[in-house]
């Protein structure tokens, strides 16, 4: 029976990985939800890590890059990676790497200008509040948003 379980667990994990990259924790959670015993889950994870199908560093980098392209702020990306069970240290290293060639201030300015264009029929005060709230929801640093908006 356990041999069957291991094969089934691997099959489910591969099925999940077919659609998108996943964190180790995401695979663990999904297998746990399917009622696999802990030893089978562990064996499956070890197998996938050994074959390099699971790698939290690579996952964090590709996930963060895709979220930056959306564009989202580093705070939101940090939170989302944390929700996916990626180790805090890995998240911090990944975001530090990405911050090198990335100016959050420029992105905030670009998004704010686009948003203000859409809201030009609304009174200035309301528009400013809406743009600020929009940018903060996207995970940009509130102080940075405030600074950019004062410049605009």
Protein backbone atom coordinates (compact mmCIF):
# COMPACT_ATOMS: atom_id res chain seq x y z
CA UNK A 1 0.00 0.00 0.00
CA UNK A 2 2.68 2.63 0.90
CA UNK A 3 4.41 2.07 -2.46
CA UNK A 4 1.12 2.93 -4.15
CA UNK A 5 0.72 5.99 -1.93
CA UNK A 6 4.18 7.26 -2.84
CA UNK A 7 3.49 6.84 -6.54
CA UNK A 8 0.13 8.60 -6.22
CA UNK A 9 1.66 11.44 -4.17
CA UNK A 10 4.38 11.96 -6.80
CA UNK A 11 1.75 11.90 -9.53
CA UNK A 12 -0.31 14.58 -7.78
CA UNK A 13 2.79 16.70 -7.15
CA UNK A 14 3.81 16.48 -10.82
CA UNK A 15 0.28 17.41 -11.83
CA UNK A 16 0.47 20.53 -9.63
CA UNK A 17 3.91 21.45 -10.98
CA UNK A 18 2.70 21.08 -14.55
CA UNK A 19 0.61 24.25 -14.23
CA UNK A 20 3.12 26.46 -12.42
CA UNK A 21 6.17 26.45 -10.20
CA UNK A 22 5.35 25.91 -6.53
CA UNK A 23 7.02 26.25 -3.17
CA UNK A 24 7.88 23.21 -1.09
CA UNK A 25 5.25 24.26 1.45
CA UNK A 26 2.54 24.50 -1.22
CA UNK A 27 3.20 20.91 -2.33
CA UNK A 28 3.25 19.72 1.31
CA UNK A 29 -0.06 21.46 2.00
CA UNK A 30 -1.74 20.03 -1.09
CA UNK A 31 -0.59 16.49 -0.32
CA UNK A 32 -1.68 16.87 3.31
CA UNK A 33 -5.10 18.00 2.08
CA UNK A 34 -5.30 14.79 0.08
CA UNK A 35 -4.71 12.88 3.35
CA UNK A 36 -1.28 11.46 2.58
CA UNK A 37 0.74 10.38 5.63
CA UNK A 38 3.66 12.62 6.66
CA UNK A 39 6.32 10.07 5.68
CA UNK A 40 4.92 9.81 2.13
CA UNK A 41 4.79 13.61 1.86
CA UNK A 42 8.40 13.86 3.05
CA UNK A 43 9.59 11.18 0.61
CA UNK A 44 7.79 12.95 -2.24
CA UNK A 45 9.34 16.32 -1.31
CA UNK A 46 12.84 14.82 -1.04
CA UNK A 47 12.37 13.12 -4.41
CA UNK A 48 11.23 16.36 -6.10
CA UNK A 49 14.01 18.44 -4.51
CA UNK A 50 16.64 15.89 -5.57
CA UNK A 51 15.37 16.06 -9.16
CA UNK A 52 15.28 19.89 -8.91
CA UNK A 53 11.55 20.12 -9.53
CA UNK A 54 11.24 21.95 -6.23
CA UNK A 55 13.57 24.77 -5.25
CA UNK A 56 12.31 27.59 -3.05
CA UNK A 57 15.08 30.00 -4.15
CA UNK A 58 14.19 29.60 -7.84
CA UNK A 59 10.49 29.68 -7.05
CA UNK A 60 10.81 32.89 -5.02
CA UNK A 61 12.81 34.60 -7.77
CA UNK A 62 10.45 33.69 -10.62
CA UNK A 63 7.37 34.46 -8.52
CA UNK A 64 8.75 37.84 -7.42
CA UNK A 65 9.74 38.76 -10.99
CA UNK A 66 6.26 37.95 -12.26
CA UNK A 67 4.67 40.04 -9.48
CA UNK A 68 7.04 42.96 -10.17
CA UNK A 69 5.93 42.88 -13.79
CA UNK A 70 2.32 43.34 -12.67
CA UNK A 71 3.58 45.80 -11.06
CA UNK A 72 3.35 45.19 -7.33
CA UNK A 73 5.45 46.60 -4.50
CA UNK A 74 8.09 44.70 -2.58
CA UNK A 75 5.99 44.68 0.60
CA UNK A 76 3.14 42.85 -1.12
CA UNK A 77 5.50 40.40 -2.84
CA UNK A 78 7.14 39.67 0.52
CA UNK A 79 3.75 38.97 2.07
CA UNK A 80 2.62 36.72 -0.81
CA UNK A 81 5.82 34.67 -0.71
CA UNK A 82 5.44 34.32 3.04
CA UNK A 83 1.88 33.05 2.47
CA UNK A 84 3.29 30.42 0.10
CA UNK A 85 5.53 29.12 2.87
CA UNK A 86 8.85 30.38 1.54
CA UNK A 87 11.48 30.89 4.23
CA UNK A 88 11.83 34.51 5.34
CA UNK A 89 15.59 34.52 4.68
CA UNK A 90 15.08 33.31 1.10
CA UNK A 91 12.46 36.02 0.54
CA UNK A 92 14.75 38.75 1.87
CA UNK A 93 17.68 37.59 -0.29
CA UNK A 94 15.48 37.38 -3.38
CA UNK A 95 13.98 40.83 -2.91
CA UNK A 96 17.40 42.31 -2.17
CA UNK A 97 18.63 40.93 -5.51
CA UNK A 98 15.64 42.38 -7.34
CA UNK A 99 15.91 45.79 -5.69
CA UNK A 100 19.30 46.28 -7.39
CA UNK A 101 17.91 47.08 -10.83
CA UNK A 102 14.50 48.23 -9.75
CA UNK A 103 13.35 51.68 -8.73
CA UNK A 104 10.11 51.41 -6.81
CA UNK A 105 9.86 55.19 -6.89
CA UNK A 106 9.78 55.26 -10.71
CA UNK A 107 7.07 52.59 -10.79
CA UNK A 108 4.98 54.47 -8.21
CA UNK A 109 5.31 57.67 -10.23
CA UNK A 110 4.29 55.94 -13.48
CA UNK A 111 1.29 54.20 -11.88
CA UNK A 112 0.20 57.37 -10.08
CA UNK A 113 0.26 59.40 -13.30
CA UNK A 114 -1.77 56.74 -15.12
CA UNK A 115 -4.26 56.59 -12.29
CA UNK A 116 -4.62 60.39 -12.07
CA UNK A 117 -5.46 60.49 -15.80
CA UNK A 118 -8.33 58.07 -15.20
CA UNK A 119 -9.59 60.12 -12.27
CA UNK A 120 -9.34 63.60 -13.78
CA UNK A 121 -13.13 64.14 -13.57
CA UNK A 122 -13.03 63.69 -9.78
CA UNK A 123 -12.06 66.50 -7.42
CA UNK A 124 -8.34 66.64 -6.73
CA UNK A 125 -8.49 65.69 -3.03
CA UNK A 126 -10.58 62.54 -3.66
CA UNK A 127 -8.44 61.53 -6.61
CA UNK A 128 -5.28 61.89 -4.52
CA UNK A 129 -6.74 59.68 -1.76
CA UNK A 130 -7.82 57.03 -4.25
CA UNK A 131 -4.46 56.93 -5.98
CA UNK A 132 -2.68 56.72 -2.62
CA UNK A 133 -4.94 53.85 -1.47
CA UNK A 134 -4.50 52.05 -4.81
CA UNK A 135 -0.70 52.18 -4.57
CA UNK A 136 -0.59 51.09 -0.92
CA UNK A 137 -2.91 48.13 -1.70
CA UNK A 138 -0.45 47.15 -4.39
CA UNK A 139 2.19 46.81 -1.72
CA UNK A 140 4.22 49.96 -2.19
CA UNK A 141 5.79 51.60 0.85
CA UNK A 142 3.31 54.23 2.15
CA UNK A 143 6.11 56.73 2.88
CA UNK A 144 7.50 56.34 -0.62
CA UNK A 145 4.01 56.74 -2.12
CA UNK A 146 3.44 59.89 -0.06
CA UNK A 147 6.78 61.33 -1.22
CA UNK A 148 6.10 60.65 -4.88
CA UNK A 149 2.59 62.04 -4.67
CA UNK A 150 3.84 65.26 -3.10
CA UNK A 151 6.21 65.68 -6.05
CA UNK A 152 3.33 65.20 -8.49
